[in-house]
Amino acid sequence: MEVILKRLKGLREYLDSHYEVSVFNTALESDQPWCFHLHGKRIVTAKIQKIFTYDVKLVDTRGTPEIIPKVHVKFLYPETYADPMAKLLKVNKKVATLRMDPLFSPHLRHFIKNKSIFPLMMTKQVLFFTTLEGDVIRGLVAEFSRYDIQVSLKGPIPITLLRHSIYDVRDKKDRCYLKSFQESQRDWQRSELYQEV
């Protein structure tokens, strides 16, 4: 019996060029202030001065340095988008009342498989990302890496969501794309990109 092997066309090549890219490096290289949304509902406008394995050193607009654990960062964007971003961010009050802390252990996180997110990015599907604190980010996936997902909001306005901060992700039809659901549903296999090797 012949076994037909299939995979998502273009995924391997995409991961080869994007998977190890981190938004923290992008922010450091920009040498511009970014808005960091942190757990505890804090927003810090600062430049990244140094990147450590598990932390980042920020210097705010007053010149005050602060070392922040990366896992405390929910999402970030260049400071130039601060005003329009304030109008676009929503809150899921039900999730916000759960008062979830940052998830330090990777095996406790709400994981999104690359196989799930790649076809959604390529077909420009509108997605609703919800963070552990209930922030709701609606937009199109512009790119993703091992560490984060860049979402293009209406405008277009770029925002980068840290994968460790995600609680849920759904489409307009309320279809879930977390690994826990997609392990059985395997929506990526219905994509036109899923082709014979």
N, C-alpha and C. Protein backbone atom coordinates (compact mmCIF):
# COMPACT_ATOMS: atom_id res chain seq x y z
N MET A 1 0.83 -1.19 0.00
CA MET A 1 0.00 0.00 0.00
C MET A 1 0.88 1.26 0.00
N GLU A 2 0.63 2.14 -0.94
CA GLU A 2 1.44 3.35 -1.09
C GLU A 2 1.04 4.39 -0.05
N VAL A 3 2.05 4.96 0.61
CA VAL A 3 1.81 6.01 1.60
C VAL A 3 2.06 7.36 0.92
N ILE A 4 1.06 8.24 0.97
CA ILE A 4 1.19 9.57 0.38
C ILE A 4 1.56 10.56 1.47
N LEU A 5 2.72 11.16 1.31
CA LEU A 5 3.19 12.14 2.28
C LEU A 5 2.74 13.54 1.88
N LYS A 6 2.21 14.27 2.84
CA LYS A 6 1.77 15.64 2.58
C LYS A 6 2.37 16.58 3.63
N ARG A 7 2.49 17.84 3.25
CA ARG A 7 2.92 18.87 4.19
C ARG A 7 2.44 20.22 3.68
N LEU A 8 2.53 21.22 4.53
CA LEU A 8 2.11 22.57 4.15
C LEU A 8 3.18 23.21 3.26
N LYS A 9 2.79 23.53 2.06
CA LYS A 9 3.72 24.12 1.11
C LYS A 9 4.21 25.47 1.62
N GLY A 10 5.53 25.60 1.71
CA GLY A 10 6.15 26.86 2.12
C GLY A 10 6.44 27.00 3.59
N LEU A 11 5.87 26.12 4.45
CA LEU A 11 6.07 26.26 5.89
C LEU A 11 7.52 26.06 6.28
N ARG A 12 8.14 25.02 5.79
CA ARG A 12 9.54 24.73 6.17
C ARG A 12 10.46 25.89 5.78
N GLU A 13 10.27 26.43 4.60
CA GLU A 13 11.10 27.54 4.13
C GLU A 13 10.86 28.79 4.98
N TYR A 14 9.60 29.01 5.34
CA TYR A 14 9.26 30.16 6.18
C TYR A 14 9.95 30.05 7.54
N LEU A 15 9.87 28.89 8.15
CA LEU A 15 10.48 28.71 9.47
C LEU A 15 12.00 28.85 9.40
N ASP A 16 12.61 28.39 8.32
CA ASP A 16 14.06 28.52 8.16
C ASP A 16 14.51 29.97 8.23
N SER A 17 13.68 30.87 7.71
CA SER A 17 14.09 32.28 7.65
C SER A 17 13.52 33.15 8.78
N HIS A 18 12.47 32.69 9.46
CA HIS A 18 11.81 33.52 10.45
C HIS A 18 11.78 32.98 11.88
N TYR A 19 12.00 31.69 12.06
CA TYR A 19 11.66 31.06 13.34
C TYR A 19 12.47 31.57 14.53
N GLU A 20 13.71 31.96 14.34
CA GLU A 20 14.54 32.39 15.46
C GLU A 20 14.56 33.91 15.65
N VAL A 21 13.78 34.63 14.86
CA VAL A 21 13.71 36.09 14.97
C VAL A 21 12.90 36.47 16.21
N SER A 22 13.38 37.43 16.96
CA SER A 22 12.67 37.88 18.16
C SER A 22 12.36 39.37 18.06
N VAL A 23 11.15 39.75 18.47
CA VAL A 23 10.78 41.17 18.46
C VAL A 23 11.66 41.99 19.39
N PHE A 24 12.23 41.37 20.41
CA PHE A 24 13.11 42.11 21.31
C PHE A 24 14.36 42.59 20.55
N ASN A 25 14.88 41.76 19.66
CA ASN A 25 16.02 42.17 18.84
C ASN A 25 15.62 43.30 17.88
N THR A 26 14.42 43.18 17.32
CA THR A 26 13.92 44.22 16.42
C THR A 26 13.80 45.55 17.15
N ALA A 27 13.26 45.52 18.36
CA ALA A 27 13.09 46.74 19.15
C ALA A 27 14.45 47.33 19.55
N LEU A 28 15.39 46.47 19.90
CA LEU A 28 16.74 46.93 20.27
C LEU A 28 17.40 47.62 19.09
N GLU A 29 17.33 46.99 17.93
CA GLU A 29 17.98 47.53 16.73
C GLU A 29 17.33 48.83 16.25
N SER A 30 16.04 49.02 16.54
CA SER A 30 15.35 50.23 16.09
C SER A 30 15.83 51.47 16.83
N ASP A 31 16.33 51.29 18.07
CA ASP A 31 16.78 52.40 18.92
C ASP A 31 15.68 53.45 19.09
N GLN A 32 14.43 52.99 19.11
CA GLN A 32 13.28 53.87 19.29
C GLN A 32 12.48 53.41 20.50
N PRO A 33 11.69 54.30 21.10
CA PRO A 33 10.83 53.87 22.21
C PRO A 33 9.70 52.96 21.72
N TRP A 34 9.40 51.94 22.50
CA TRP A 34 8.29 51.02 22.24
C TRP A 34 7.38 51.04 23.46
N CYS A 35 6.13 50.72 23.26
CA CYS A 35 5.18 50.57 24.37
C CYS A 35 5.12 49.09 24.74
N PHE A 36 5.49 48.79 25.97
CA PHE A 36 5.49 47.42 26.49
C PHE A 36 4.29 47.25 27.40
N HIS A 37 3.38 46.37 27.04
CA HIS A 37 2.23 46.05 27.89
C HIS A 37 2.62 44.85 28.74
N LEU A 38 2.67 45.07 30.04
CA LEU A 38 3.16 44.06 30.97
C LEU A 38 2.02 43.49 31.81
N HIS A 39 2.24 42.29 32.35
CA HIS A 39 1.28 41.72 33.30
C HIS A 39 1.14 42.66 34.49
N GLY A 40 -0.07 42.71 35.01
CA GLY A 40 -0.36 43.67 36.06
C GLY A 40 -0.92 44.96 35.49
N LYS A 41 -1.24 44.94 34.18
CA LYS A 41 -1.83 46.09 33.48
C LYS A 41 -0.91 47.29 33.40
N ARG A 42 0.38 47.05 33.52
CA ARG A 42 1.36 48.14 33.38
C ARG A 42 1.68 48.37 31.91
N ILE A 43 1.86 49.63 31.55
CA ILE A 43 2.35 49.99 30.22
C ILE A 43 3.59 50.85 30.42
N VAL A 44 4.70 50.40 29.85
CA VAL A 44 5.96 51.12 29.97
C VAL A 44 6.41 51.55 28.58
N THR A 45 6.67 52.83 28.41
CA THR A 45 7.23 53.33 27.16
C THR A 45 8.73 53.47 27.36
N ALA A 46 9.50 52.69 26.59
CA ALA A 46 10.93 52.63 26.84
C ALA A 46 11.68 52.09 25.63
N LYS A 47 12.99 52.26 25.68
CA LYS A 47 13.87 51.63 24.71
C LYS A 47 14.48 50.39 25.35
N ILE A 48 14.76 49.38 24.56
CA ILE A 48 15.51 48.23 25.08
C ILE A 48 16.99 48.59 25.05
N GLN A 49 17.64 48.44 26.19
CA GLN A 49 19.07 48.72 26.27
C GLN A 49 19.91 47.46 26.14
N LYS A 50 19.37 46.34 26.69
CA LYS A 50 20.13 45.09 26.64
C LYS A 50 19.16 43.91 26.74
N ILE A 51 19.51 42.82 26.07
CA ILE A 51 18.70 41.61 26.09
C ILE A 51 19.48 40.50 26.79
N PHE A 52 18.86 39.90 27.78
CA PHE A 52 19.43 38.75 28.47
C PHE A 52 18.65 37.51 28.07
N THR A 53 19.04 36.36 28.57
CA THR A 53 18.37 35.11 28.21
C THR A 53 16.89 35.14 28.59
N TYR A 54 16.59 35.57 29.81
CA TYR A 54 15.21 35.55 30.29
C TYR A 54 14.65 36.93 30.60
N ASP A 55 15.44 37.96 30.46
CA ASP A 55 15.02 39.31 30.83
C ASP A 55 15.40 40.32 29.74
N VAL A 56 14.82 41.50 29.83
CA VAL A 56 15.24 42.63 29.00
C VAL A 56 15.46 43.84 29.90
N LYS A 57 16.46 44.62 29.58
CA LYS A 57 16.71 45.85 30.33
C LYS A 57 16.12 47.00 29.54
N LEU A 58 15.15 47.69 30.14
CA LEU A 58 14.49 48.82 29.52
C LEU A 58 14.98 50.12 30.15
N VAL A 59 14.97 51.18 29.36
CA VAL A 59 15.24 52.52 29.87
C VAL A 59 14.07 53.39 29.43
N ASP A 60 13.30 53.89 30.39
CA ASP A 60 12.09 54.64 30.04
C ASP A 60 12.42 56.05 29.57
N THR A 61 11.39 56.83 29.26
CA THR A 61 11.57 58.16 28.66
C THR A 61 12.24 59.15 29.63
N ARG A 62 12.27 58.83 30.92
CA ARG A 62 12.95 59.68 31.90
C ARG A 62 14.38 59.24 32.15
N GLY A 63 14.78 58.15 31.47
CA GLY A 63 16.14 57.64 31.64
C GLY A 63 16.28 56.63 32.76
N THR A 64 15.14 56.17 33.30
CA THR A 64 15.17 55.21 34.41
C THR A 64 15.28 53.79 33.88
N PRO A 65 16.30 53.04 34.30
CA PRO A 65 16.45 51.65 33.83
C PRO A 65 15.61 50.69 34.66
N GLU A 66 15.18 49.60 34.05
CA GLU A 66 14.42 48.56 34.75
C GLU A 66 14.62 47.24 34.03
N ILE A 67 14.87 46.19 34.78
CA ILE A 67 15.01 44.86 34.18
C ILE A 67 13.67 44.13 34.34
N ILE A 68 13.12 43.69 33.21
CA ILE A 68 11.81 43.04 33.16
C ILE A 68 11.97 41.61 32.67
N PRO A 69 11.39 40.63 33.37
CA PRO A 69 11.38 39.27 32.83
C PRO A 69 10.59 39.24 31.51
N LYS A 70 11.12 38.57 30.52
CA LYS A 70 10.44 38.50 29.22
C LYS A 70 9.03 37.93 29.36
N VAL A 71 8.85 36.99 30.27
CA VAL A 71 7.55 36.34 30.43
C VAL A 71 6.49 37.31 30.97
N HIS A 72 6.90 38.46 31.48
CA HIS A 72 5.96 39.47 31.97
C HIS A 72 5.44 40.36 30.83
N VAL A 73 6.09 40.29 29.67
CA VAL A 73 5.67 41.12 28.53
C VAL A 73 4.56 40.40 27.78
N LYS A 74 3.41 41.07 27.64
CA LYS A 74 2.28 40.50 26.90
C LYS A 74 2.39 40.83 25.42
N PHE A 75 2.56 42.11 25.13
CA PHE A 75 2.72 42.53 23.74
C PHE A 75 3.38 43.90 23.71
N LEU A 76 3.86 44.29 22.54
CA LEU A 76 4.54 45.56 22.40
C LEU A 76 4.40 46.09 20.97
N TYR A 77 4.65 47.38 20.82
CA TYR A 77 4.56 48.03 19.52
C TYR A 77 5.35 49.34 19.59
N PRO A 78 5.78 49.87 18.43
CA PRO A 78 6.50 51.14 18.44
C PRO A 78 5.66 52.26 19.03
N GLU A 79 6.27 53.13 19.79
CA GLU A 79 5.57 54.19 20.51
C GLU A 79 4.79 55.11 19.57
N THR A 80 5.20 55.19 18.32
CA THR A 80 4.50 56.05 17.35
C THR A 80 3.06 55.61 17.10
N TYR A 81 2.72 54.36 17.47
CA TYR A 81 1.36 53.85 17.28
C TYR A 81 0.53 53.89 18.56
N ALA A 82 1.03 54.53 19.59
CA ALA A 82 0.36 54.49 20.90
C ALA A 82 -1.06 55.06 20.86
N ASP A 83 -1.27 56.18 20.21
CA ASP A 83 -2.60 56.81 20.20
C ASP A 83 -3.65 55.96 19.47
N PRO A 84 -3.41 55.54 18.23
CA PRO A 84 -4.42 54.70 17.57
C PRO A 84 -4.60 53.34 18.24
N MET A 85 -3.52 52.81 18.84
CA MET A 85 -3.61 51.50 19.48
C MET A 85 -4.57 51.53 20.67
N ALA A 86 -4.59 52.62 21.39
CA ALA A 86 -5.46 52.73 22.56
C ALA A 86 -6.93 52.55 22.19
N LYS A 87 -7.30 52.93 20.96
CA LYS A 87 -8.69 52.80 20.52
C LYS A 87 -9.01 51.40 20.00
N LEU A 88 -7.98 50.66 19.63
CA LEU A 88 -8.20 49.36 18.99
C LEU A 88 -8.17 48.18 19.96
N LEU A 89 -7.53 48.35 21.10
CA LEU A 89 -7.43 47.26 22.06
C LEU A 89 -8.73 47.11 22.85
N LYS A 90 -9.23 45.89 22.95
CA LYS A 90 -10.45 45.58 23.69
C LYS A 90 -10.11 44.64 24.85
N VAL A 91 -11.10 44.39 25.71
CA VAL A 91 -10.88 43.49 26.85
C VAL A 91 -12.02 42.48 26.94
N ASN A 92 -11.65 41.22 27.12
CA ASN A 92 -12.61 40.16 27.42
C ASN A 92 -12.74 40.13 28.94
N LYS A 93 -13.84 40.67 29.45
CA LYS A 93 -14.00 40.83 30.90
C LYS A 93 -14.04 39.50 31.63
N LYS A 94 -14.58 38.48 30.98
CA LYS A 94 -14.66 37.16 31.62
C LYS A 94 -13.26 36.60 31.86
N VAL A 95 -12.38 36.73 30.87
CA VAL A 95 -11.00 36.24 31.02
C VAL A 95 -10.26 37.12 32.03
N ALA A 96 -10.50 38.43 31.97
CA ALA A 96 -9.80 39.35 32.88
C ALA A 96 -10.09 39.02 34.35
N THR A 97 -11.31 38.56 34.65
CA THR A 97 -11.66 38.24 36.04
C THR A 97 -10.97 36.97 36.55
N LEU A 98 -10.39 36.18 35.65
CA LEU A 98 -9.66 34.97 36.07
C LEU A 98 -8.35 35.31 36.76
N ARG A 99 -7.84 36.52 36.51
CA ARG A 99 -6.62 37.02 37.15
C ARG A 99 -5.45 36.03 37.05
N MET A 100 -5.17 35.61 35.84
CA MET A 100 -4.09 34.64 35.61
C MET A 100 -2.73 35.31 35.68
N ASP A 101 -1.77 34.62 36.26
CA ASP A 101 -0.40 35.09 36.33
C ASP A 101 0.37 34.66 35.08
N PRO A 102 1.54 35.26 34.86
CA PRO A 102 2.38 34.79 33.75
C PRO A 102 2.69 33.30 33.91
N LEU A 103 2.77 32.60 32.79
CA LEU A 103 3.04 31.16 32.82
C LEU A 103 4.53 30.93 32.56
N PHE A 104 5.27 30.68 33.63
CA PHE A 104 6.71 30.49 33.50
C PHE A 104 7.05 29.14 32.88
N SER A 105 6.27 28.12 33.19
CA SER A 105 6.56 26.78 32.68
C SER A 105 5.98 26.61 31.27
N PRO A 106 6.82 26.31 30.27
CA PRO A 106 6.32 26.17 28.90
C PRO A 106 5.20 25.15 28.74
N HIS A 107 5.23 24.06 29.50
CA HIS A 107 4.21 23.02 29.30
C HIS A 107 2.82 23.43 29.82
N LEU A 108 2.74 24.57 30.53
CA LEU A 108 1.45 25.07 30.99
C LEU A 108 0.84 26.10 30.03
N ARG A 109 1.60 26.50 29.02
CA ARG A 109 1.16 27.57 28.13
C ARG A 109 0.13 27.10 27.12
N HIS A 110 -0.60 28.05 26.57
CA HIS A 110 -1.65 27.78 25.58
C HIS A 110 -1.00 27.88 24.20
N PHE A 111 -0.58 26.75 23.69
CA PHE A 111 0.30 26.70 22.53
C PHE A 111 -0.49 26.72 21.22
N ILE A 112 0.06 27.42 20.22
CA ILE A 112 -0.49 27.44 18.87
C ILE A 112 0.54 26.78 17.96
N LYS A 113 0.13 25.73 17.27
CA LYS A 113 1.04 25.02 16.38
C LYS A 113 1.37 25.89 15.17
N ASN A 114 2.62 25.80 14.72
CA ASN A 114 3.02 26.50 13.50
C ASN A 114 2.18 26.04 12.31
N LYS A 115 1.81 24.77 12.30
CA LYS A 115 0.97 24.22 11.23
C LYS A 115 -0.39 24.90 11.19
N SER A 116 -0.87 25.34 12.35
CA SER A 116 -2.16 26.01 12.41
C SER A 116 -2.07 27.46 11.97
N ILE A 117 -1.03 28.15 12.44
CA ILE A 117 -0.97 29.60 12.20
C ILE A 117 -0.48 29.95 10.80
N PHE A 118 0.34 29.08 10.20
CA PHE A 118 0.89 29.40 8.88
C PHE A 118 -0.19 29.56 7.81
N PRO A 119 -1.10 28.60 7.64
CA PRO A 119 -2.14 28.81 6.62
C PRO A 119 -3.07 29.97 6.93
N LEU A 120 -3.30 30.26 8.21
CA LEU A 120 -4.12 31.41 8.58
C LEU A 120 -3.44 32.71 8.16
N MET A 121 -2.12 32.76 8.30
CA MET A 121 -1.36 33.93 7.86
C MET A 121 -1.40 34.06 6.35
N MET A 122 -1.19 32.95 5.65
CA MET A 122 -1.10 33.00 4.19
C MET A 122 -2.44 33.34 3.53
N THR A 123 -3.54 32.94 4.17
CA THR A 123 -4.87 33.23 3.61
C THR A 123 -5.50 34.48 4.21
N LYS A 124 -4.73 35.18 5.04
CA LYS A 124 -5.17 36.46 5.62
C LYS A 124 -6.51 36.36 6.36
N GLN A 125 -6.57 35.40 7.26
CA GLN A 125 -7.77 35.22 8.08
C GLN A 125 -7.75 36.17 9.28
N VAL A 126 -8.86 36.82 9.53
CA VAL A 126 -8.98 37.68 10.71
C VAL A 126 -9.05 36.80 11.95
N LEU A 127 -8.20 37.09 12.93
CA LEU A 127 -8.15 36.30 14.16
C LEU A 127 -8.32 37.21 15.37
N PHE A 128 -8.82 36.60 16.44
CA PHE A 128 -8.98 37.28 17.73
C PHE A 128 -8.08 36.59 18.74
N PHE A 129 -7.02 37.27 19.14
CA PHE A 129 -6.10 36.75 20.15
C PHE A 129 -6.51 37.32 21.51
N THR A 130 -6.57 36.46 22.51
CA THR A 130 -6.87 36.91 23.88
C THR A 130 -5.68 36.57 24.76
N THR A 131 -5.20 37.55 25.53
CA THR A 131 -4.08 37.30 26.43
C THR A 131 -4.57 36.74 27.76
N LEU A 132 -3.63 36.35 28.59
CA LEU A 132 -3.95 35.81 29.91
C LEU A 132 -4.67 36.82 30.79
N GLU A 133 -4.51 38.10 30.50
CA GLU A 133 -5.20 39.14 31.28
C GLU A 133 -6.46 39.66 30.58
N GLY A 134 -6.83 39.03 29.46
CA GLY A 134 -8.08 39.39 28.81
C GLY A 134 -7.99 40.42 27.70
N ASP A 135 -6.79 40.92 27.39
CA ASP A 135 -6.65 41.84 26.26
C ASP A 135 -7.04 41.10 24.98
N VAL A 136 -7.82 41.75 24.13
CA VAL A 136 -8.23 41.14 22.86
C VAL A 136 -7.61 41.92 21.70
N ILE A 137 -6.89 41.22 20.87
CA ILE A 137 -6.21 41.81 19.73
C ILE A 137 -6.79 41.19 18.47
N ARG A 138 -7.40 42.02 17.63
CA ARG A 138 -8.06 41.56 16.40
C ARG A 138 -7.27 42.02 15.18
N GLY A 139 -6.91 41.06 14.32
CA GLY A 139 -6.19 41.45 13.12
C GLY A 139 -5.71 40.26 12.31
N LEU A 140 -4.82 40.55 11.38
CA LEU A 140 -4.24 39.54 10.50
C LEU A 140 -2.83 39.21 10.95
N VAL A 141 -2.46 37.95 10.90
CA VAL A 141 -1.08 37.57 11.23
C VAL A 141 -0.17 38.05 10.09
N ALA A 142 0.80 38.90 10.44
CA ALA A 142 1.75 39.41 9.45
C ALA A 142 2.97 38.52 9.36
N GLU A 143 3.42 38.02 10.51
CA GLU A 143 4.54 37.08 10.57
C GLU A 143 4.58 36.46 11.96
N PHE A 144 5.35 35.41 12.10
CA PHE A 144 5.48 34.78 13.42
C PHE A 144 6.83 34.11 13.53
N SER A 145 7.23 33.88 14.76
CA SER A 145 8.49 33.19 15.04
C SER A 145 8.26 32.23 16.21
N ARG A 146 9.32 31.67 16.67
CA ARG A 146 9.26 30.76 17.82
C ARG A 146 8.74 31.47 19.07
N TYR A 147 8.98 32.78 19.14
CA TYR A 147 8.71 33.52 20.37
C TYR A 147 7.47 34.41 20.32
N ASP A 148 7.11 34.88 19.13
CA ASP A 148 6.07 35.89 19.06
C ASP A 148 5.29 35.83 17.75
N ILE A 149 4.19 36.58 17.73
CA ILE A 149 3.32 36.66 16.56
C ILE A 149 3.04 38.13 16.30
N GLN A 150 3.38 38.60 15.10
CA GLN A 150 3.08 39.99 14.75
C GLN A 150 1.71 40.04 14.08
N VAL A 151 0.85 40.88 14.61
CA VAL A 151 -0.52 41.01 14.11
C VAL A 151 -0.69 42.41 13.53
N SER A 152 -1.31 42.48 12.37
CA SER A 152 -1.59 43.76 11.73
C SER A 152 -3.03 44.14 12.04
N LEU A 153 -3.20 45.22 12.81
CA LEU A 153 -4.53 45.70 13.16
C LEU A 153 -5.01 46.68 12.09
N LYS A 154 -6.23 47.09 12.21
CA LYS A 154 -6.81 48.04 11.26
C LYS A 154 -5.93 49.28 11.20
N GLY A 155 -5.56 49.66 9.99
CA GLY A 155 -4.72 50.84 9.85
C GLY A 155 -3.82 50.88 8.63
N PRO A 156 -2.92 49.92 8.41
CA PRO A 156 -2.56 48.83 9.32
C PRO A 156 -1.60 49.29 10.42
N ILE A 157 -1.80 48.75 11.60
CA ILE A 157 -0.96 49.06 12.75
C ILE A 157 -0.36 47.76 13.27
N PRO A 158 0.97 47.69 13.39
CA PRO A 158 1.61 46.44 13.84
C PRO A 158 1.69 46.33 15.36
N ILE A 159 1.38 45.15 15.85
CA ILE A 159 1.53 44.85 17.28
C ILE A 159 2.12 43.45 17.37
N THR A 160 3.05 43.25 18.28
CA THR A 160 3.67 41.94 18.41
C THR A 160 3.29 41.32 19.74
N LEU A 161 2.68 40.16 19.64
CA LEU A 161 2.15 39.43 20.79
C LEU A 161 3.14 38.32 21.16
N LEU A 162 3.53 38.26 22.42
CA LEU A 162 4.41 37.19 22.87
C LEU A 162 3.62 35.91 23.02
N ARG A 163 4.13 34.82 22.47
CA ARG A 163 3.37 33.58 22.46
C ARG A 163 3.08 33.07 23.87
N HIS A 164 3.97 33.37 24.83
CA HIS A 164 3.74 32.90 26.20
C HIS A 164 2.57 33.61 26.87
N SER A 165 2.11 34.74 26.31
CA SER A 165 1.04 35.51 26.95
C SER A 165 -0.35 35.15 26.42
N ILE A 166 -0.41 34.24 25.45
CA ILE A 166 -1.68 33.93 24.80
C ILE A 166 -2.54 32.99 25.65
N TYR A 167 -3.81 33.34 25.75
CA TYR A 167 -4.79 32.49 26.42
C TYR A 167 -5.64 31.75 25.40
N ASP A 168 -6.01 32.43 24.30
CA ASP A 168 -6.87 31.82 23.30
C ASP A 168 -6.68 32.52 21.96
N VAL A 169 -7.03 31.82 20.88
CA VAL A 169 -7.05 32.43 19.54
C VAL A 169 -8.18 31.79 18.75
N ARG A 170 -9.02 32.64 18.14
CA ARG A 170 -10.19 32.16 17.41
C ARG A 170 -10.40 33.00 16.16
N ASP A 171 -11.15 32.42 15.21
CA ASP A 171 -11.50 33.16 14.01
C ASP A 171 -12.89 33.79 14.17
N LYS A 172 -13.40 34.39 13.09
CA LYS A 172 -14.70 35.06 13.15
C LYS A 172 -15.84 34.11 13.46
N LYS A 173 -15.65 32.82 13.14
CA LYS A 173 -16.69 31.83 13.39
C LYS A 173 -16.52 31.17 14.76
N ASP A 174 -15.63 31.72 15.59
CA ASP A 174 -15.36 31.23 16.93
C ASP A 174 -14.64 29.87 16.92
N ARG A 175 -13.95 29.57 15.84
CA ARG A 175 -13.17 28.34 15.73
C ARG A 175 -11.85 28.52 16.47
N CYS A 176 -11.52 27.60 17.37
CA CYS A 176 -10.31 27.69 18.18
C CYS A 176 -9.11 27.13 17.42
N TYR A 177 -7.94 27.78 17.57
CA TYR A 177 -6.73 27.31 16.90
C TYR A 177 -5.61 26.96 17.88
N LEU A 178 -5.96 26.78 19.13
CA LEU A 178 -4.97 26.31 20.09
C LEU A 178 -4.64 24.85 19.83
N LYS A 179 -3.43 24.45 20.21
CA LYS A 179 -2.99 23.07 20.02
C LYS A 179 -3.95 22.07 20.66
N SER A 180 -4.47 22.39 21.83
CA SER A 180 -5.36 21.47 22.56
C SER A 180 -6.59 21.10 21.74
N PHE A 181 -7.05 22.02 20.90
CA PHE A 181 -8.21 21.75 20.04
C PHE A 181 -7.78 21.20 18.69
N GLN A 182 -6.73 21.75 18.14
CA GLN A 182 -6.30 21.38 16.79
C GLN A 182 -5.61 20.02 16.70
N GLU A 183 -5.17 19.48 17.82
CA GLU A 183 -4.57 18.13 17.79
C GLU A 183 -5.55 17.12 17.23
N SER A 184 -6.82 17.31 17.50
CA SER A 184 -7.83 16.39 16.96
C SER A 184 -8.48 16.91 15.69
N GLN A 185 -8.63 18.23 15.56
CA GLN A 185 -9.34 18.81 14.41
C GLN A 185 -8.47 18.94 13.16
N ARG A 186 -7.20 19.26 13.35
CA ARG A 186 -6.23 19.35 12.25
C ARG A 186 -6.73 20.18 11.06
N ASP A 187 -7.14 21.40 11.33
CA ASP A 187 -7.66 22.26 10.27
C ASP A 187 -6.63 22.53 9.18
N TRP A 188 -5.34 22.49 9.52
CA TRP A 188 -4.32 22.74 8.51
C TRP A 188 -4.38 21.74 7.36
N GLN A 189 -4.92 20.55 7.62
CA GLN A 189 -5.02 19.55 6.57
C GLN A 189 -6.12 19.88 5.55
N ARG A 190 -6.98 20.84 5.87
CA ARG A 190 -8.02 21.28 4.95
C ARG A 190 -7.54 22.46 4.10
N SER A 191 -6.37 22.97 4.39
CA SER A 191 -5.84 24.10 3.65
C SER A 191 -5.39 23.70 2.25
N GLU A 192 -5.52 24.61 1.30
CA GLU A 192 -5.04 24.37 -0.07
C GLU A 192 -3.52 24.24 -0.09
N LEU A 193 -2.86 24.73 0.95
CA LEU A 193 -1.41 24.63 1.05
C LEU A 193 -0.94 23.23 1.44
N TYR A 194 -1.86 22.41 1.94
CA TYR A 194 -1.51 21.05 2.37
C TYR A 194 -1.45 20.17 1.13
N GLN A 195 -0.25 19.87 0.68
CA GLN A 195 -0.06 19.20 -0.61
C GLN A 195 0.90 18.02 -0.49
N GLU A 196 0.87 17.17 -1.51
CA GLU A 196 1.79 16.04 -1.57
C GLU A 196 3.22 16.54 -1.65
N VAL A 197 4.11 15.85 -0.97
CA VAL A 197 5.52 16.18 -0.99
C VAL A 197 6.10 15.75 -2.33
